[in-house]
């Protein structure tokens, strides 16, 4: 049985107040996760999800801009919008401490035993998928922000032409990932070309503008381009490991005493290829005792990537981090970062 506090609202008309609502005020307009279907000239809808993380607000502002631009005019394609964690948005956080992550519980994800709210959300998002399957969804865009310094980039779980062409419309930087599981992007990839668009910091207005341009461009497509994607079209990277802090490990980004001490400029490592020997942190204990590094098969691979040398944790191989941030809450709720490796030249993706 579904948790009574979680239910999907489905609307065929957008409440007018949504067009001007701040993310923190959206919960006064929408009761919870809400799926809105809007008609357009082409009937197969573009699906866009916003606020799966409550403090990632560029997606909401992008949708507001797109709909304001089409006020009084027909959309070029039907548009279905999922407004996600409006309760967390009201608090200005990624998720409440009592909530599961709304982008880790989609069908296909493995849930923690004894978490009825996660099971309820997975059932709810299953309803969303089935509704969009019935409507013959054209493409899916999940709009997000990053907490640290990162460029605009797109994430895909599939490496076929359609997924890469859709991603390339947003950014030349594309990341292929298989973990974390239970993401919206992975769930929708079984139905249609599906991407997660990372729009930089939520405080940067350019992120919302760029996302709005992306949504508008896809609304105008008659079909996803079918020509091959080559190495000159995008810079493709593969997420090879997720780095998390182990339970109870203290950390700081300055000179405050802690088991792990990171440099204050750590997030500037994002999307830079770092050479072996690069100092990743100062550490009072062995790296494997502080950091949990897992590959896409959930295997412990910390010893392949990191080693403690003279009180410092150093990289053992060339990697490119993503999502490093000084936001301590984000580090605890999600992860410290992802390690990526460049794909082009290593796989035949440019022949797709």
Protein backbone atom coordinates (compact mmCIF):
# COMPACT_ATOMS: atom_id res chain seq x y z
CA UNK A 1 0.00 0.00 0.00
CA UNK A 2 1.27 3.46 -0.85
CA UNK A 3 2.43 5.75 1.92
CA UNK A 4 -0.58 8.08 2.37
CA UNK A 5 1.75 11.10 2.26
CA UNK A 6 2.89 10.32 -1.30
CA UNK A 7 0.50 10.46 -4.25
CA UNK A 8 0.85 11.49 -7.87
CA UNK A 9 -1.29 14.39 -9.04
CA UNK A 10 -2.02 14.40 -12.79
CA UNK A 11 -3.23 17.56 -14.51
CA UNK A 12 -4.14 18.50 -18.08
CA UNK A 13 -3.67 22.19 -17.42
CA UNK A 14 -0.90 24.03 -15.63
CA UNK A 15 -2.07 26.08 -12.65
CA UNK A 16 -1.38 29.71 -13.56
CA UNK A 17 0.43 30.30 -10.27
CA UNK A 18 3.15 27.82 -11.28
CA UNK A 19 4.37 30.20 -13.97
CA UNK A 20 5.52 32.75 -11.40
CA UNK A 21 6.06 30.65 -8.28
CA UNK A 22 9.44 30.57 -6.62
CA UNK A 23 10.62 27.02 -5.92
CA UNK A 24 10.16 27.56 -2.19
CA UNK A 25 6.53 28.54 -2.76
CA UNK A 26 5.63 25.81 -5.22
CA UNK A 27 4.30 23.51 -2.51
CA UNK A 28 1.49 26.01 -1.91
CA UNK A 29 0.37 25.45 -5.51
CA UNK A 30 1.13 21.75 -6.04
CA UNK A 31 0.34 19.15 -3.35
CA UNK A 32 3.33 16.92 -4.13
CA UNK A 33 4.79 15.16 -7.17
CA UNK A 34 2.70 16.45 -10.07
CA UNK A 35 2.58 15.37 -13.72
CA UNK A 36 1.18 17.98 -16.10
CA UNK A 37 0.28 17.15 -19.74
CA UNK A 38 0.14 20.07 -22.17
CA UNK A 39 -0.96 19.70 -25.83
CA UNK A 40 1.16 20.64 -28.82
CA UNK A 41 1.22 20.49 -32.62
CA UNK A 42 3.03 17.13 -32.63
CA UNK A 43 1.23 14.74 -30.26
CA UNK A 44 4.17 12.61 -29.03
CA UNK A 45 5.29 14.52 -25.94
CA UNK A 46 8.63 15.71 -24.72
CA UNK A 47 8.93 14.75 -21.06
CA UNK A 48 10.77 17.12 -18.71
CA UNK A 49 11.32 16.54 -15.00
CA UNK A 50 12.29 19.33 -12.62
CA UNK A 51 13.01 19.55 -8.89
CA UNK A 52 13.75 15.88 -8.34
CA UNK A 53 16.24 17.54 -6.01
CA UNK A 54 14.54 20.39 -4.19
CA UNK A 55 17.44 22.87 -4.27
CA UNK A 56 18.16 22.38 -7.99
CA UNK A 57 15.90 25.10 -9.30
CA UNK A 58 17.18 25.95 -12.79
CA UNK A 59 14.78 23.40 -14.29
CA UNK A 60 11.76 25.12 -12.80
CA UNK A 61 12.91 28.51 -14.06
CA UNK A 62 13.63 27.03 -17.50
CA UNK A 63 10.13 25.56 -17.80
CA UNK A 64 8.62 28.83 -16.62
CA UNK A 65 10.53 30.69 -19.33
CA UNK A 66 9.56 28.24 -22.09
CA UNK A 67 5.87 28.40 -21.19
CA UNK A 68 5.95 32.19 -20.84
CA UNK A 69 7.49 32.43 -24.31
CA UNK A 70 4.61 30.36 -25.73
CA UNK A 71 1.87 32.18 -23.86
CA UNK A 72 -1.14 32.34 -26.19
CA UNK A 73 0.58 30.15 -28.78
CA UNK A 74 0.51 26.43 -29.51
CA UNK A 75 3.54 24.45 -28.39
CA UNK A 76 5.37 22.87 -31.34
CA UNK A 77 5.14 19.50 -29.57
CA UNK A 78 3.14 18.18 -26.62
CA UNK A 79 4.96 18.68 -23.34
CA UNK A 80 4.65 16.62 -20.14
CA UNK A 81 6.27 18.07 -17.03
CA UNK A 82 6.96 16.30 -13.73
CA UNK A 83 7.40 18.57 -10.73
CA UNK A 84 9.23 16.44 -8.18
CA UNK A 85 10.19 17.10 -4.58
CA UNK A 86 8.27 20.31 -3.89
CA UNK A 87 8.50 19.69 -0.12
CA UNK A 88 12.31 19.74 -0.23
CA UNK A 89 12.12 22.76 -2.54
CA UNK A 90 10.15 24.59 0.14
CA UNK A 91 13.03 23.95 2.56
CA UNK A 92 15.67 24.79 -0.05
CA UNK A 93 17.42 21.41 0.28
CA UNK A 94 18.20 18.47 -2.00
CA UNK A 95 15.92 16.24 0.08
CA UNK A 96 14.66 16.19 3.64
CA UNK A 97 16.61 13.91 5.97
CA UNK A 98 13.46 11.81 6.33
CA UNK A 99 13.07 11.36 2.56
CA UNK A 100 14.71 9.06 0.02
CA UNK A 101 16.47 10.68 -2.92
CA UNK A 102 13.85 11.28 -5.63
CA UNK A 103 16.46 10.46 -8.29
CA UNK A 104 17.50 7.08 -6.84
CA UNK A 105 14.14 5.30 -6.51
CA UNK A 106 12.86 5.06 -10.09
CA UNK A 107 11.97 1.60 -11.43
CA UNK A 108 15.17 -0.35 -11.96
CA UNK A 109 16.76 0.89 -8.76
CA UNK A 110 17.48 -1.40 -5.80
CA UNK A 111 15.71 -0.18 -2.68
CA UNK A 112 16.80 -0.46 0.94
CA UNK A 113 14.83 -3.00 2.92
CA UNK A 114 12.30 -1.52 5.31
CA UNK A 115 11.85 1.80 3.53
CA UNK A 116 8.13 2.12 2.73
CA UNK A 117 8.49 5.68 1.45
CA UNK A 118 11.07 4.59 -1.14
CA UNK A 119 8.79 1.75 -2.27
CA UNK A 120 5.87 4.19 -2.51
CA UNK A 121 7.93 6.60 -4.61
CA UNK A 122 9.10 3.82 -6.90
CA UNK A 123 5.47 2.82 -7.50
CA UNK A 124 4.56 6.47 -8.12
CA UNK A 125 7.36 6.91 -10.65
CA UNK A 126 6.27 3.64 -12.26
CA UNK A 127 2.90 5.31 -12.86
CA UNK A 128 4.70 8.21 -14.54
CA UNK A 129 6.59 5.83 -16.82
CA UNK A 130 3.45 3.97 -17.82
CA UNK A 131 1.60 7.21 -18.51
CA UNK A 132 4.41 8.37 -20.78
CA UNK A 133 4.66 4.98 -22.48
CA UNK A 134 0.97 5.22 -23.33
CA UNK A 135 1.50 8.69 -24.78
CA UNK A 136 4.45 7.46 -26.91
CA UNK A 137 6.96 9.79 -25.32
CA UNK A 138 9.33 11.39 -27.83
CA UNK A 139 12.30 12.17 -25.57
CA UNK A 140 13.08 12.76 -21.90
CA UNK A 141 15.07 15.54 -20.22
CA UNK A 142 15.80 15.57 -16.50
CA UNK A 143 17.01 19.04 -15.44
CA UNK A 144 19.50 19.30 -12.58
CA UNK A 145 22.04 21.61 -11.00
CA UNK A 146 25.48 20.90 -9.59
CA UNK A 147 26.59 22.12 -6.16
CA UNK A 148 30.25 22.58 -7.04
CA UNK A 149 31.99 24.32 -9.92
CA UNK A 150 31.12 22.28 -13.03
CA UNK A 151 30.46 23.14 -16.69
CA UNK A 152 27.14 22.51 -18.39
CA UNK A 153 27.10 18.82 -19.32
CA UNK A 154 24.73 15.97 -20.16
CA UNK A 155 24.53 12.47 -18.70
CA UNK A 156 23.36 9.37 -20.58
CA UNK A 157 23.02 5.71 -19.67
CA UNK A 158 22.97 4.51 -23.29
CA UNK A 159 25.51 5.10 -26.06
CA UNK A 160 23.32 4.82 -29.14
CA UNK A 161 23.01 7.59 -31.71
CA UNK A 162 19.71 8.97 -30.44
CA UNK A 163 20.86 9.41 -26.85
CA UNK A 164 24.13 11.04 -27.87
CA UNK A 165 22.49 13.33 -30.41
CA UNK A 166 19.99 14.49 -27.80
CA UNK A 167 22.81 15.13 -25.31
CA UNK A 168 24.86 17.04 -27.87
CA UNK A 169 22.03 19.55 -28.25
CA UNK A 170 22.72 20.67 -24.68
CA UNK A 171 26.50 20.36 -24.39
CA UNK A 172 29.57 18.99 -26.13
CA UNK A 173 30.52 17.44 -22.77
CA UNK A 174 28.71 14.13 -22.27
CA UNK A 175 29.08 11.65 -19.40
CA UNK A 176 28.09 8.00 -19.71
CA UNK A 177 27.12 6.37 -16.40
CA UNK A 178 25.58 3.15 -15.11
CA UNK A 179 25.60 4.01 -11.41
CA UNK A 180 23.89 5.35 -9.40
CA UNK A 181 20.93 3.13 -10.13
CA UNK A 182 17.31 4.14 -9.94
CA UNK A 183 17.69 7.41 -11.82
CA UNK A 184 15.04 9.01 -13.99
CA UNK A 185 17.46 9.02 -16.92
CA UNK A 186 18.01 5.28 -16.72
CA UNK A 187 14.29 4.50 -16.31
CA UNK A 188 13.26 6.58 -19.32
CA UNK A 189 16.08 5.24 -21.50
CA UNK A 190 13.97 2.08 -21.91
CA UNK A 191 11.23 4.20 -23.56
CA UNK A 192 12.99 6.94 -25.52
CA UNK A 193 16.19 8.97 -25.85
CA UNK A 194 16.83 10.19 -22.31
CA UNK A 195 19.34 12.59 -20.76
CA UNK A 196 20.06 14.38 -17.52
CA UNK A 197 21.15 17.96 -18.19
CA UNK A 198 23.43 19.42 -15.52
CA UNK A 199 22.89 23.19 -15.59
CA UNK A 200 25.68 24.44 -13.36
CA UNK A 201 24.94 26.12 -10.04
CA UNK A 202 21.34 26.95 -9.26
CA UNK A 203 22.41 30.52 -8.48
CA UNK A 204 23.69 31.06 -12.04
CA UNK A 205 20.87 32.47 -14.23
CA UNK A 206 22.66 31.26 -17.36
CA UNK A 207 21.86 27.68 -16.37
CA UNK A 208 18.11 28.26 -16.56
CA UNK A 209 18.45 30.16 -19.84
CA UNK A 210 20.55 27.41 -21.42
CA UNK A 211 18.12 24.75 -20.20
CA UNK A 212 15.17 26.71 -21.64
CA UNK A 213 16.93 26.91 -25.01
CA UNK A 214 17.55 23.16 -24.87
CA UNK A 215 13.91 22.33 -24.09
CA UNK A 216 12.72 24.67 -26.84
CA UNK A 217 15.12 23.12 -29.36
CA UNK A 218 13.84 19.61 -28.62
CA UNK A 219 10.23 20.77 -28.82
CA UNK A 220 10.96 21.89 -32.38
CA UNK A 221 12.52 18.59 -33.50
CA UNK A 222 10.48 16.44 -35.86
CA UNK A 223 12.81 13.55 -35.03
CA UNK A 224 16.10 12.95 -33.22
CA UNK A 225 18.99 13.25 -35.71
CA UNK A 226 20.20 9.89 -36.98
CA UNK A 227 23.64 10.74 -38.31
CA UNK A 228 26.59 9.17 -36.47
CA UNK A 229 28.08 10.98 -33.49
CA UNK A 230 31.84 11.35 -33.76
CA UNK A 231 34.61 12.43 -31.44
CA UNK A 232 34.58 15.94 -32.89
CA UNK A 233 30.91 16.36 -31.98
CA UNK A 234 31.17 15.69 -28.24
CA UNK A 235 33.74 15.03 -25.52
CA UNK A 236 32.59 11.73 -24.05
CA UNK A 237 33.55 10.51 -20.58
CA UNK A 238 32.63 7.38 -18.65
CA UNK A 239 31.96 7.34 -14.91
CA UNK A 240 34.18 4.56 -13.59
CA UNK A 241 33.81 5.03 -9.83
CA UNK A 242 31.75 6.77 -7.15
CA UNK A 243 33.62 8.19 -4.14
CA UNK A 244 31.81 8.43 -0.80
CA UNK A 245 32.95 9.18 2.72
CA UNK A 246 32.70 6.25 5.08
CA UNK A 247 30.37 6.53 8.04
CA UNK A 248 31.78 8.57 10.89
CA UNK A 249 34.66 10.09 8.92
CA UNK A 250 35.00 13.79 9.67
CA UNK A 251 36.12 16.17 6.93
CA UNK A 252 36.82 19.83 6.30
CA UNK A 253 37.73 22.14 3.44
CA UNK A 254 40.04 24.35 5.46
CA UNK A 255 42.47 23.88 8.34
CA UNK A 256 39.83 22.71 10.82
CA UNK A 257 40.88 19.45 12.50
CA UNK A 258 39.33 16.42 10.74
CA UNK A 259 40.25 12.94 9.62
CA UNK A 260 40.08 14.14 6.00
CA UNK A 261 41.14 17.65 5.05
CA UNK A 262 40.49 18.81 1.50
CA UNK A 263 41.88 21.92 -0.12
CA UNK A 264 39.43 24.83 -0.26
CA UNK A 265 39.80 24.93 -4.06
CA UNK A 266 39.06 21.19 -4.44
CA UNK A 267 35.95 21.71 -6.61
CA UNK A 268 38.13 23.32 -9.29
CA UNK A 269 39.40 19.80 -9.98
CA UNK A 270 36.03 19.08 -11.61
CA UNK A 271 36.33 18.17 -15.29
CA UNK A 272 40.11 18.43 -15.23
CA UNK A 273 42.13 15.33 -16.09
CA UNK A 274 44.36 14.79 -13.06
CA UNK A 275 47.63 12.92 -13.32
CA UNK A 276 48.83 10.13 -10.98
CA UNK A 277 50.43 11.62 -7.90
CA UNK A 278 47.96 14.49 -7.62
CA UNK A 279 47.21 15.16 -3.95
CA UNK A 280 43.50 14.54 -3.34
CA UNK A 281 43.38 15.13 0.42
CA UNK A 282 45.34 15.21 3.67
CA UNK A 283 44.42 12.19 5.74
CA UNK A 284 45.08 11.04 9.28
CA UNK A 285 44.23 7.45 8.36
CA UNK A 286 44.61 5.07 5.43
CA UNK A 287 42.62 6.07 2.34
CA UNK A 288 40.65 2.83 2.27
CA UNK A 289 39.52 3.48 5.85
CA UNK A 290 38.21 6.94 4.99
CA UNK A 291 36.80 6.74 1.48
CA UNK A 292 34.52 4.16 -0.12
CA UNK A 293 35.28 3.95 -3.84
CA UNK A 294 32.92 1.73 -5.85
CA UNK A 295 32.89 0.87 -9.54
CA UNK A 296 29.73 0.41 -11.62
CA UNK A 297 29.43 -3.19 -10.41
CA UNK A 298 29.51 -1.96 -6.81
CA UNK A 299 32.97 -3.46 -6.24
CA UNK A 300 35.41 -1.82 -3.83
CA UNK A 301 38.13 -0.37 -6.08
CA UNK A 302 39.65 2.19 -3.73
CA UNK A 303 43.10 0.60 -3.88
CA UNK A 304 43.13 1.04 -7.66
CA UNK A 305 42.57 4.79 -7.48
CA UNK A 306 43.92 6.15 -4.19
CA UNK A 307 46.83 5.56 -1.80
CA UNK A 308 48.04 7.26 1.39
CA UNK A 309 51.60 8.51 1.21
CA UNK A 310 53.05 10.46 4.10
CA UNK A 311 49.73 11.69 5.40
CA UNK A 312 48.43 12.58 1.94
CA UNK A 313 45.94 10.73 -0.25
CA UNK A 314 47.24 10.69 -3.81
CA UNK A 315 45.77 9.51 -7.10
CA UNK A 316 47.24 6.32 -8.52
CA UNK A 317 45.87 6.75 -12.05
CA UNK A 318 44.65 9.49 -14.35
CA UNK A 319 41.04 10.44 -13.62
CA UNK A 320 38.68 13.36 -14.14
CA UNK A 321 36.48 14.17 -11.12
CA UNK A 322 32.96 15.52 -11.41
CA UNK A 323 30.56 16.93 -8.80
CA UNK A 324 33.19 17.80 -6.19
CA UNK A 325 31.63 20.38 -3.90
CA UNK A 326 32.22 22.14 -0.59
CA UNK A 327 28.55 21.65 0.31
CA UNK A 328 28.91 19.33 3.30
CA UNK A 329 25.22 18.36 3.32
CA UNK A 330 25.43 17.31 -0.35
CA UNK A 331 28.54 15.23 0.38
CA UNK A 332 26.75 13.40 3.21
CA UNK A 333 23.46 12.90 1.34
CA UNK A 334 24.94 11.81 -1.99
CA UNK A 335 28.67 11.42 -2.55
CA UNK A 336 31.98 13.28 -2.57
CA UNK A 337 32.45 12.95 -6.34
CA UNK A 338 32.57 10.69 -9.35
CA UNK A 339 35.76 9.60 -11.10
CA UNK A 340 35.57 9.60 -14.90
CA UNK A 341 37.85 8.53 -17.73
CA UNK A 342 37.89 9.77 -21.30
CA UNK A 343 36.14 7.44 -23.77
CA UNK A 344 37.01 8.76 -27.21
CA UNK A 345 39.83 6.74 -28.75
CA UNK A 346 39.23 3.79 -26.42
CA UNK A 347 35.92 2.48 -27.75
CA UNK A 348 34.25 2.41 -31.19
CA UNK A 349 31.53 4.84 -30.13
CA UNK A 350 32.39 7.19 -33.00
CA UNK A 351 31.18 4.46 -35.40
CA UNK A 352 27.66 4.37 -33.98
